[in-house]
Amino acid sequence: MAENDDRKKQLKWTLIAYGIILAIFIILSFPIVNINGKWILLVSPMRPASIKQYDGWVLGNHTLETEHGAIRLGHGSQIFIKRLAVGDAASIEVESFRKGRASHSLVVYGIEMPPNISIVLEFNPIKILTLALKDQEIIVSGIPIRVRNFTFMPYRIPSLGSDADILISGGGGVHIPGTIITLADSTKILEGERSTRRLHIYSELT
């Protein structure tokens, strides 16, 4: 009889332990991210394995305001969160835009971004780091060019060989007709050399 009681107690505490573990797993699977004062609830089954970087899906609808326009994260938008020493970063993949779950109205110094792009940004405060266009066409001062990435340079990274505010680059370089692009307002945009052409944008001249 005593042995049965001990087994029942052991089973009881085992079930309680499993219940606590399950509760912790559920709590960790629904992280809340604070982006510029907006509290965004995510569902992230993989987060219990790593709290420093994880994929999540947005619950609800949220709008993030940036200096280049708004980014709307709709219900089910996929977002990748990464905790960094210098600040937190988020990546919004192109599939969320293609499926209509996310949208944006980004215009960078008069250059309108295509609707389906990938976005990497820091938050608190929000700083866009990269816009991945994957060789889509944009219009720069009336000239169509195909571009892979817009790289924003908030920290002036010497290894990239430029002190520009934004680098515009392509897979084998930006495909630019002619030699030099001069904007209508005489903004200083320089062209790289040979097949590794890049456009350099300096915000103080825009």
C-alpha atoms as a PDB file:
ATOM      1  CA  MET A   1       0.000   0.000   0.000  1.00  0.00           C
ATOM      2  CA  ALA A   2       2.785   2.389   0.913  1.00  0.00           C
ATOM      3  CA  GLU A   3       4.554   1.450  -2.295  1.00  0.00           C
ATOM      4  CA  ASN A   4       1.483   2.411  -4.327  1.00  0.00           C
ATOM      5  CA  ASP A   5       1.272   5.748  -2.506  1.00  0.00           C
ATOM      6  CA  ASP A   6       4.936   6.430  -3.311  1.00  0.00           C
ATOM      7  CA  ARG A   7       4.314   5.657  -6.979  1.00  0.00           C
ATOM      8  CA  LYS A   8       1.309   7.954  -7.053  1.00  0.00           C
ATOM      9  CA  LYS A   9       3.342  10.758  -5.454  1.00  0.00           C
ATOM     10  CA  GLN A  10       6.181  10.184  -7.895  1.00  0.00           C
ATOM     11  CA  LEU A  11       3.767  10.253 -10.839  1.00  0.00           C
ATOM     12  CA  LYS A  12       2.135  13.406  -9.438  1.00  0.00           C
ATOM     13  CA  TRP A  13       5.440  15.273  -9.165  1.00  0.00           C
ATOM     14  CA  THR A  14       6.534  14.022 -12.580  1.00  0.00           C
ATOM     15  CA  LEU A  15       3.341  15.394 -14.118  1.00  0.00           C
ATOM     16  CA  ILE A  16       3.820  18.702 -12.266  1.00  0.00           C
ATOM     17  CA  ALA A  17       7.413  18.942 -13.560  1.00  0.00           C
ATOM     18  CA  TYR A  18       6.277  18.243 -17.135  1.00  0.00           C
ATOM     19  CA  GLY A  19       3.498  20.801 -16.720  1.00  0.00           C
ATOM     20  CA  ILE A  20       5.985  23.460 -15.593  1.00  0.00           C
ATOM     21  CA  ILE A  21       8.293  22.661 -18.523  1.00  0.00           C
ATOM     22  CA  LEU A  22       5.352  22.848 -20.953  1.00  0.00           C
ATOM     23  CA  ALA A  23       4.220  26.182 -19.483  1.00  0.00           C
ATOM     24  CA  ILE A  24       7.732  27.642 -19.830  1.00  0.00           C
ATOM     25  CA  PHE A  25       7.923  26.369 -23.424  1.00  0.00           C
ATOM     26  CA  ILE A  26       4.578  27.997 -24.263  1.00  0.00           C
ATOM     27  CA  ILE A  27       5.584  31.311 -22.658  1.00  0.00           C
ATOM     28  CA  LEU A  28       8.922  31.374 -24.503  1.00  0.00           C
ATOM     29  CA  SER A  29       7.158  30.532 -27.770  1.00  0.00           C
ATOM     30  CA  PHE A  30       5.183  33.801 -27.634  1.00  0.00           C
ATOM     31  CA  PRO A  31       7.857  36.516 -27.294  1.00  0.00           C
ATOM     32  CA  ILE A  32       6.928  40.195 -27.203  1.00  0.00           C
ATOM     33  CA  VAL A  33       9.272  42.555 -29.047  1.00  0.00           C
ATOM     34  CA  ASN A  34       9.386  46.286 -28.310  1.00  0.00           C
ATOM     35  CA  ILE A  35      10.182  48.190 -31.509  1.00  0.00           C
ATOM     36  CA  ASN A  36      10.234  51.943 -30.945  1.00  0.00           C
ATOM     37  CA  GLY A  37       7.537  51.733 -28.273  1.00  0.00           C
ATOM     38  CA  LYS A  38       5.338  49.312 -30.235  1.00  0.00           C
ATOM     39  CA  TRP A  39       4.817  45.999 -28.477  1.00  0.00           C
ATOM     40  CA  ILE A  40       4.600  43.249 -31.104  1.00  0.00           C
ATOM     41  CA  LEU A  41       3.511  39.749 -30.107  1.00  0.00           C
ATOM     42  CA  LEU A  42       5.120  36.897 -32.058  1.00  0.00           C
ATOM     43  CA  VAL A  43       4.620  33.171 -32.207  1.00  0.00           C
ATOM     44  CA  SER A  44       8.005  31.447 -32.376  1.00  0.00           C
ATOM     45  CA  PRO A  45       8.168  27.674 -31.752  1.00  0.00           C
ATOM     46  CA  MET A  46      11.974  27.741 -32.170  1.00  0.00           C
ATOM     47  CA  ARG A  47      12.632  30.490 -29.625  1.00  0.00           C
ATOM     48  CA  PRO A  48      12.946  28.179 -26.581  1.00  0.00           C
ATOM     49  CA  ALA A  49      16.083  26.778 -28.260  1.00  0.00           C
ATOM     50  CA  SER A  50      17.677  30.234 -28.619  1.00  0.00           C
ATOM     51  CA  ILE A  51      16.577  33.554 -27.157  1.00  0.00           C
ATOM     52  CA  LYS A  52      19.320  35.484 -28.988  1.00  0.00           C
ATOM     53  CA  GLN A  53      18.097  34.773 -32.512  1.00  0.00           C
ATOM     54  CA  TYR A  54      14.879  33.239 -33.727  1.00  0.00           C
ATOM     55  CA  ASP A  55      12.199  33.297 -36.420  1.00  0.00           C
ATOM     56  CA  GLY A  56       8.752  34.482 -35.487  1.00  0.00           C
ATOM     57  CA  TRP A  57       5.353  35.209 -37.028  1.00  0.00           C
ATOM     58  CA  VAL A  58       3.586  38.466 -36.191  1.00  0.00           C
ATOM     59  CA  LEU A  59       0.237  38.384 -34.428  1.00  0.00           C
ATOM     60  CA  GLY A  60      -1.940  41.388 -35.239  1.00  0.00           C
ATOM     61  CA  ASN A  61      -1.166  44.376 -37.451  1.00  0.00           C
ATOM     62  CA  HIS A  62       1.585  46.904 -36.794  1.00  0.00           C
ATOM     63  CA  THR A  63       3.146  49.840 -38.633  1.00  0.00           C
ATOM     64  CA  LEU A  64       6.813  50.795 -38.197  1.00  0.00           C
ATOM     65  CA  GLU A  65       7.754  54.345 -39.136  1.00  0.00           C
ATOM     66  CA  THR A  66      11.255  54.894 -40.563  1.00  0.00           C
ATOM     67  CA  GLU A  67      12.950  57.979 -41.977  1.00  0.00           C
ATOM     68  CA  HIS A  68      12.358  56.569 -45.477  1.00  0.00           C
ATOM     69  CA  GLY A  69       8.705  55.591 -45.071  1.00  0.00           C
ATOM     70  CA  ALA A  70       6.439  53.108 -43.327  1.00  0.00           C
ATOM     71  CA  ILE A  71       6.672  49.326 -43.051  1.00  0.00           C
ATOM     72  CA  ARG A  72       3.421  47.488 -42.316  1.00  0.00           C
ATOM     73  CA  LEU A  73       3.667  44.112 -40.614  1.00  0.00           C
ATOM     74  CA  GLY A  74       0.383  42.292 -41.018  1.00  0.00           C
ATOM     75  CA  HIS A  75      -0.853  39.173 -39.262  1.00  0.00           C
ATOM     76  CA  GLY A  76       1.381  36.222 -40.178  1.00  0.00           C
ATOM     77  CA  SER A  77       4.349  38.279 -41.388  1.00  0.00           C
ATOM     78  CA  GLN A  78       7.605  36.419 -40.855  1.00  0.00           C
ATOM     79  CA  ILE A  79      10.347  38.254 -38.997  1.00  0.00           C
ATOM     80  CA  PHE A  80      13.776  37.141 -37.819  1.00  0.00           C
ATOM     81  CA  ILE A  81      15.006  38.675 -34.547  1.00  0.00           C
ATOM     82  CA  LYS A  82      18.677  38.812 -33.602  1.00  0.00           C
ATOM     83  CA  ARG A  83      20.043  40.175 -30.333  1.00  0.00           C
ATOM     84  CA  LEU A  84      23.319  42.023 -30.918  1.00  0.00           C
ATOM     85  CA  ALA A  85      25.825  43.625 -28.553  1.00  0.00           C
ATOM     86  CA  VAL A  86      25.307  47.012 -30.239  1.00  0.00           C
ATOM     87  CA  GLY A  87      21.516  46.698 -30.477  1.00  0.00           C
ATOM     88  CA  ASP A  88      18.666  44.483 -31.617  1.00  0.00           C
ATOM     89  CA  ALA A  89      18.064  43.777 -35.296  1.00  0.00           C
ATOM     90  CA  ALA A  90      15.199  42.371 -37.337  1.00  0.00           C
ATOM     91  CA  SER A  91      14.974  40.918 -40.823  1.00  0.00           C
ATOM     92  CA  ILE A  92      11.731  40.933 -42.803  1.00  0.00           C
ATOM     93  CA  GLU A  93      11.942  38.463 -45.675  1.00  0.00           C
ATOM     94  CA  VAL A  94      10.598  39.041 -49.178  1.00  0.00           C
ATOM     95  CA  GLU A  95       8.044  36.197 -48.881  1.00  0.00           C
ATOM     96  CA  SER A  96       6.002  38.250 -46.415  1.00  0.00           C
ATOM     97  CA  PHE A  97       5.691  41.013 -49.042  1.00  0.00           C
ATOM     98  CA  ARG A  98       5.007  38.599 -51.908  1.00  0.00           C
ATOM     99  CA  LYS A  99       2.196  36.952 -49.953  1.00  0.00           C
ATOM    100  CA  GLY A 100       0.661  40.342 -49.060  1.00  0.00           C
ATOM    101  CA  ARG A 101       1.179  39.883 -45.334  1.00  0.00           C
ATOM    102  CA  ALA A 102       3.563  42.855 -45.189  1.00  0.00           C
ATOM    103  CA  SER A 103       3.896  46.013 -47.259  1.00  0.00           C
ATOM    104  CA  HIS A 104       5.923  49.216 -47.289  1.00  0.00           C
ATOM    105  CA  SER A 105       6.068  52.744 -48.711  1.00  0.00           C
ATOM    106  CA  LEU A 106       9.850  53.196 -48.704  1.00  0.00           C
ATOM    107  CA  VAL A 107      11.376  55.976 -50.788  1.00  0.00           C
ATOM    108  CA  VAL A 108      15.135  56.509 -50.353  1.00  0.00           C
ATOM    109  CA  TYR A 109      16.185  60.030 -51.378  1.00  0.00           C
ATOM    110  CA  GLY A 110      13.541  60.134 -54.076  1.00  0.00           C
ATOM    111  CA  ILE A 111      14.151  56.536 -55.253  1.00  0.00           C
ATOM    112  CA  GLU A 112      11.003  54.437 -54.873  1.00  0.00           C
ATOM    113  CA  MET A 113      11.616  50.884 -53.699  1.00  0.00           C
ATOM    114  CA  PRO A 114       9.892  47.921 -55.409  1.00  0.00           C
ATOM    115  CA  PRO A 115       7.087  46.307 -53.380  1.00  0.00           C
ATOM    116  CA  ASN A 116       8.794  42.912 -52.921  1.00  0.00           C
ATOM    117  CA  ILE A 117      12.099  43.300 -51.086  1.00  0.00           C
ATOM    118  CA  SER A 118      13.900  42.026 -47.978  1.00  0.00           C
ATOM    119  CA  ILE A 119      14.592  44.505 -45.180  1.00  0.00           C
ATOM    120  CA  VAL A 120      17.176  44.367 -42.397  1.00  0.00           C
ATOM    121  CA  LEU A 121      16.881  47.000 -39.685  1.00  0.00           C
ATOM    122  CA  GLU A 122      18.043  47.835 -36.210  1.00  0.00           C
ATOM    123  CA  PHE A 123      15.423  49.019 -33.764  1.00  0.00           C
ATOM    124  CA  ASN A 124      15.214  51.267 -30.701  1.00  0.00           C
ATOM    125  CA  PRO A 125      15.730  53.522 -32.603  1.00  0.00           C
ATOM    126  CA  ILE A 126      14.869  52.159 -36.046  1.00  0.00           C
ATOM    127  CA  LYS A 127      17.711  52.285 -38.581  1.00  0.00           C
ATOM    128  CA  ILE A 128      17.425  50.520 -41.909  1.00  0.00           C
ATOM    129  CA  LEU A 129      20.665  48.621 -42.596  1.00  0.00           C
ATOM    130  CA  THR A 130      19.979  46.798 -45.871  1.00  0.00           C
ATOM    131  CA  LEU A 131      17.324  46.680 -48.567  1.00  0.00           C
ATOM    132  CA  ALA A 132      17.754  43.580 -50.758  1.00  0.00           C
ATOM    133  CA  LEU A 133      16.180  44.094 -54.198  1.00  0.00           C
ATOM    134  CA  LYS A 134      17.650  40.963 -55.878  1.00  0.00           C
ATOM    135  CA  ASP A 135      18.350  42.654 -59.241  1.00  0.00           C
ATOM    136  CA  GLN A 136      15.008  44.421 -59.545  1.00  0.00           C
ATOM    137  CA  GLU A 137      14.786  47.618 -61.549  1.00  0.00           C
ATOM    138  CA  ILE A 138      14.602  51.055 -59.953  1.00  0.00           C
ATOM    139  CA  ILE A 139      14.624  54.535 -61.435  1.00  0.00           C
ATOM    140  CA  VAL A 140      17.465  56.902 -60.468  1.00  0.00           C
ATOM    141  CA  SER A 141      17.105  60.415 -61.865  1.00  0.00           C
ATOM    142  CA  GLY A 142      15.000  59.067 -64.717  1.00  0.00           C
ATOM    143  CA  ILE A 143      17.478  56.295 -65.532  1.00  0.00           C
ATOM    144  CA  PRO A 144      16.435  52.622 -65.040  1.00  0.00           C
ATOM    145  CA  ILE A 145      19.063  50.458 -63.325  1.00  0.00           C
ATOM    146  CA  ARG A 146      19.011  46.956 -61.840  1.00  0.00           C
ATOM    147  CA  VAL A 147      20.138  46.712 -58.250  1.00  0.00           C
ATOM    148  CA  ARG A 148      20.795  43.932 -55.771  1.00  0.00           C
ATOM    149  CA  ASN A 149      21.308  45.810 -52.480  1.00  0.00           C
ATOM    150  CA  PHE A 150      20.997  49.184 -50.811  1.00  0.00           C
ATOM    151  CA  THR A 151      23.509  49.179 -47.936  1.00  0.00           C
ATOM    152  CA  PHE A 152      23.066  51.960 -45.393  1.00  0.00           C
ATOM    153  CA  MET A 153      26.243  53.067 -43.662  1.00  0.00           C
ATOM    154  CA  PRO A 154      25.407  54.417 -40.180  1.00  0.00           C
ATOM    155  CA  TYR A 155      28.812  53.422 -38.820  1.00  0.00           C
ATOM    156  CA  ARG A 156      31.096  54.217 -41.796  1.00  0.00           C
ATOM    157  CA  ILE A 157      32.543  50.736 -42.263  1.00  0.00           C
ATOM    158  CA  PRO A 158      36.120  51.178 -43.620  1.00  0.00           C
ATOM    159  CA  SER A 159      36.262  47.634 -45.054  1.00  0.00           C
ATOM    160  CA  LEU A 160      33.600  48.562 -47.596  1.00  0.00           C
ATOM    161  CA  GLY A 161      35.907  51.230 -48.981  1.00  0.00           C
ATOM    162  CA  SER A 162      33.511  54.164 -48.851  1.00  0.00           C
ATOM    163  CA  ASP A 163      32.495  57.010 -46.592  1.00  0.00           C
ATOM    164  CA  ALA A 164      29.128  57.329 -48.341  1.00  0.00           C
ATOM    165  CA  ASP A 165      25.812  57.187 -46.492  1.00  0.00           C
ATOM    166  CA  ILE A 166      24.389  54.565 -48.858  1.00  0.00           C
ATOM    167  CA  LEU A 167      26.007  52.113 -51.268  1.00  0.00           C
ATOM    168  CA  ILE A 168      23.918  50.785 -54.145  1.00  0.00           C
ATOM    169  CA  SER A 169      25.329  47.599 -55.626  1.00  0.00           C
ATOM    170  CA  GLY A 170      24.410  44.750 -57.919  1.00  0.00           C
ATOM    171  CA  GLY A 171      25.445  41.119 -58.309  1.00  0.00           C
ATOM    172  CA  GLY A 172      28.370  41.900 -60.602  1.00  0.00           C
ATOM    173  CA  GLY A 173      27.995  45.586 -60.043  1.00  0.00           C
ATOM    174  CA  VAL A 174      25.147  47.972 -60.776  1.00  0.00           C
ATOM    175  CA  HIS A 175      24.086  47.761 -64.420  1.00  0.00           C
ATOM    176  CA  ILE A 176      24.342  51.397 -65.427  1.00  0.00           C
ATOM    177  CA  PRO A 177      23.830  52.655 -68.977  1.00  0.00           C
ATOM    178  CA  GLY A 178      26.570  55.124 -69.827  1.00  0.00           C
ATOM    179  CA  THR A 179      29.194  56.253 -67.348  1.00  0.00           C
ATOM    180  CA  ILE A 180      28.041  58.800 -64.773  1.00  0.00           C
ATOM    181  CA  ILE A 181      24.604  59.434 -63.279  1.00  0.00           C
ATOM    182  CA  THR A 182      23.934  63.053 -62.372  1.00  0.00           C
ATOM    183  CA  LEU A 183      20.773  63.669 -60.380  1.00  0.00           C
ATOM    184  CA  ALA A 184      18.479  66.535 -61.242  1.00  0.00           C
ATOM    185  CA  ASP A 185      19.441  68.391 -58.049  1.00  0.00           C
ATOM    186  CA  SER A 186      23.182  67.770 -58.666  1.00  0.00           C
ATOM    187  CA  THR A 187      23.374  65.255 -55.820  1.00  0.00           C
ATOM    188  CA  LYS A 188      26.848  63.713 -55.665  1.00  0.00           C
ATOM    189  CA  ILE A 189      26.525  60.099 -56.771  1.00  0.00           C
ATOM    190  CA  LEU A 190      29.821  58.515 -57.793  1.00  0.00           C
ATOM    191  CA  GLU A 191      30.295  55.456 -59.957  1.00  0.00           C
ATOM    192  CA  GLY A 192      32.696  52.617 -59.190  1.00  0.00           C
ATOM    193  CA  GLU A 193      35.175  51.183 -61.665  1.00  0.00           C
ATOM    194  CA  ARG A 194      34.949  48.404 -64.250  1.00  0.00           C
ATOM    195  CA  SER A 195      32.500  45.563 -63.512  1.00  0.00           C
ATOM    196  CA  THR A 196      32.222  46.295 -59.779  1.00  0.00           C
ATOM    197  CA  ARG A 197      30.285  49.507 -60.218  1.00  0.00           C
ATOM    198  CA  ARG A 198      28.542  50.921 -57.189  1.00  0.00           C
ATOM    199  CA  LEU A 199      26.645  54.125 -56.652  1.00  0.00           C
ATOM    200  CA  HIS A 200      27.604  56.169 -53.603  1.00  0.00           C
ATOM    201  CA  ILE A 201      24.973  58.452 -52.072  1.00  0.00           C
ATOM    202  CA  TYR A 202      25.929  61.243 -49.673  1.00  0.00           C
ATOM    203  CA  SER A 203      22.934  62.438 -47.691  1.00  0.00           C
ATOM    204  CA  GLU A 204      24.374  65.861 -46.875  1.00  0.00           C
ATOM    205  CA  LEU A 205      24.206  66.695 -50.578  1.00  0.00           C
ATOM    206  CA  THR A 206      20.645  65.488 -51.129  1.00  0.00           C
END
